[in-house]
Protein backbone atom coordinates (compact mmCIF):
# COMPACT_ATOMS: atom_id res chain seq x y z
CA MET A 1 -16.70 8.93 8.80
CA GLN A 2 -14.74 10.18 5.75
CA ASN A 3 -15.43 7.13 3.53
CA PRO A 4 -12.32 7.40 1.29
CA ASP A 5 -12.05 5.59 -2.05
CA VAL A 6 -8.44 4.51 -1.32
CA PHE A 7 -6.54 4.27 1.93
CA PHE A 8 -3.26 2.96 3.34
CA LEU A 9 -2.53 1.59 6.82
CA SER A 10 0.81 0.66 8.35
CA GLU A 11 1.64 -1.43 11.41
CA THR A 12 -1.61 -3.31 10.92
CA HIS A 13 -0.55 -6.41 12.89
CA LEU A 14 -3.13 -8.27 10.75
CA GLN A 15 -3.11 -11.51 8.83
CA LYS A 16 -5.04 -11.93 5.59
CA ALA A 17 -8.15 -13.52 7.16
CA LYS A 18 -8.73 -10.53 9.46
CA VAL A 19 -7.95 -8.10 6.64
CA GLU A 20 -10.66 -9.69 4.48
CA LYS A 21 -13.19 -9.15 7.27
CA LEU A 22 -12.09 -5.51 7.60
CA ARG A 23 -12.27 -5.02 3.81
CA ARG A 24 -15.90 -6.17 3.73
CA LYS A 25 -16.82 -4.09 6.78
CA LEU A 26 -15.39 -0.93 5.19
CA GLY A 27 -17.04 -1.56 1.82
CA CYS A 28 -13.83 -1.90 -0.18
CA ASP A 29 -13.59 -4.19 -3.16
CA HIS A 30 -9.83 -4.67 -3.54
CA LEU A 31 -6.73 -4.79 -1.40
CA ILE A 32 -2.99 -5.19 -1.37
CA ILE A 33 -1.44 -6.56 1.79
CA PHE A 34 2.01 -7.20 3.15
CA GLU A 35 1.14 -9.39 6.13
CA SER A 36 2.63 -8.71 9.54
CA ASP A 37 4.86 -11.24 11.22
CA GLY A 38 2.36 -11.38 14.08
CA HIS A 39 4.07 -8.98 16.45
CA SER A 40 5.06 -6.09 14.20
CA GLY A 41 4.70 -4.66 10.74
CA GLY A 42 2.04 -5.18 8.19
CA LEU A 43 0.94 -2.86 5.39
CA LEU A 44 -2.47 -2.59 3.81
CA MET A 45 -3.98 -0.62 0.95
CA MET A 46 -7.69 -0.92 0.19
CA TRP A 47 -9.85 0.67 -2.47
CA LYS A 48 -13.30 0.68 -4.00
CA LYS A 49 -14.18 -0.81 -7.38
CA GLU A 50 -14.58 2.62 -8.97
CA VAL A 51 -10.83 3.21 -8.66
CA ARG A 52 -8.33 1.68 -11.09
CA ILE A 53 -5.07 0.72 -9.36
CA ILE A 54 -1.88 -0.46 -11.05
CA GLU A 55 0.49 -2.06 -8.55
CA GLN A 56 4.10 -0.92 -8.86
CA GLY A 57 5.71 -2.71 -5.93
CA VAL A 58 5.12 -4.15 -2.47
CA THR A 59 7.69 -4.73 0.27
CA GLU A 60 7.66 -4.80 4.05
CA ASN A 61 8.29 -1.04 3.92
CA TYR A 62 5.97 0.24 1.19
CA ILE A 63 3.05 -0.29 -1.14
CA ASP A 64 3.52 1.66 -4.35
CA VAL A 65 0.67 2.08 -6.88
CA LEU A 66 -0.52 4.20 -9.77
CA ILE A 67 -4.08 5.45 -9.52
CA GLN A 68 -5.89 6.07 -12.77
CA ASP A 69 -8.85 8.41 -12.79
CA GLU A 70 -9.16 11.64 -14.78
CA ASN A 71 -5.40 11.83 -14.33
CA GLU A 72 -2.82 9.21 -13.48
CA TRP A 73 -1.04 9.77 -10.19
CA ARG A 74 1.17 7.83 -7.85
CA LEU A 75 0.43 6.84 -4.27
CA THR A 76 3.16 5.28 -2.17
CA GLY A 77 2.35 4.29 1.38
CA VAL A 78 5.62 4.09 3.31
CA TYR A 79 6.47 2.62 6.68
CA GLY A 80 9.82 4.12 7.59
CA GLU A 81 12.55 2.55 9.67
CA PRO A 82 11.57 3.07 13.33
CA ILE A 83 15.17 3.29 14.59
CA TRP A 84 16.64 6.74 14.04
CA GLU A 85 20.10 5.42 13.18
CA GLN A 86 18.56 3.42 10.30
CA LYS A 87 16.47 6.23 8.76
CA ASP A 88 18.92 6.40 5.87
CA LYS A 89 17.43 3.08 4.66
CA THR A 90 14.03 4.76 4.30
CA TRP A 91 15.52 7.66 2.35
CA MET A 92 17.43 5.27 0.07
CA THR A 93 14.19 3.37 -0.61
CA MET A 94 12.34 6.59 -1.43
CA ARG A 95 15.12 7.70 -3.80
CA GLU A 96 15.00 4.31 -5.52
CA LEU A 97 11.22 4.57 -5.92
CA LYS A 98 11.61 8.03 -7.43
CA ARG A 99 14.29 6.76 -9.80
CA HIS A 100 11.80 4.22 -11.19
CA ASP A 101 8.96 6.74 -11.41
CA GLY A 102 6.87 6.07 -14.49
CA GLU A 103 7.88 2.43 -14.96
CA THR A 104 4.74 0.31 -14.74
CA VAL A 105 5.58 -3.06 -13.23
CA VAL A 106 2.40 -5.09 -12.73
CA SER A 107 -1.27 -4.52 -13.55
CA PHE A 108 -3.40 -5.40 -10.52
CA GLY A 109 -7.04 -6.40 -10.55
CA GLY A 110 -7.47 -6.94 -6.81
CA PHE A 111 -8.80 -9.80 -4.68
């Protein structure tokens, strides 16, 4: 209904073949995926060809990108630790991402 240019999903429970089908259905041209292990996890970021994305990092807990349009800005989709006693791991990851703010790692052209 909203038809966004870029979006992030967590806990997708999807493998690459199903993600490709979803990408086409939603009219997106590019994607970054961290595949689920089948029962849990999975991260996905999709975007349209009009958007320039520069990948910064991908792990089981986040997809971190720079988006270049009129301005350059950062989008980090985070899946935090689900167990309360381990939330400090999520905060440490976010602090580490902030510490590396502005360091371009990899240029990404998409799939």
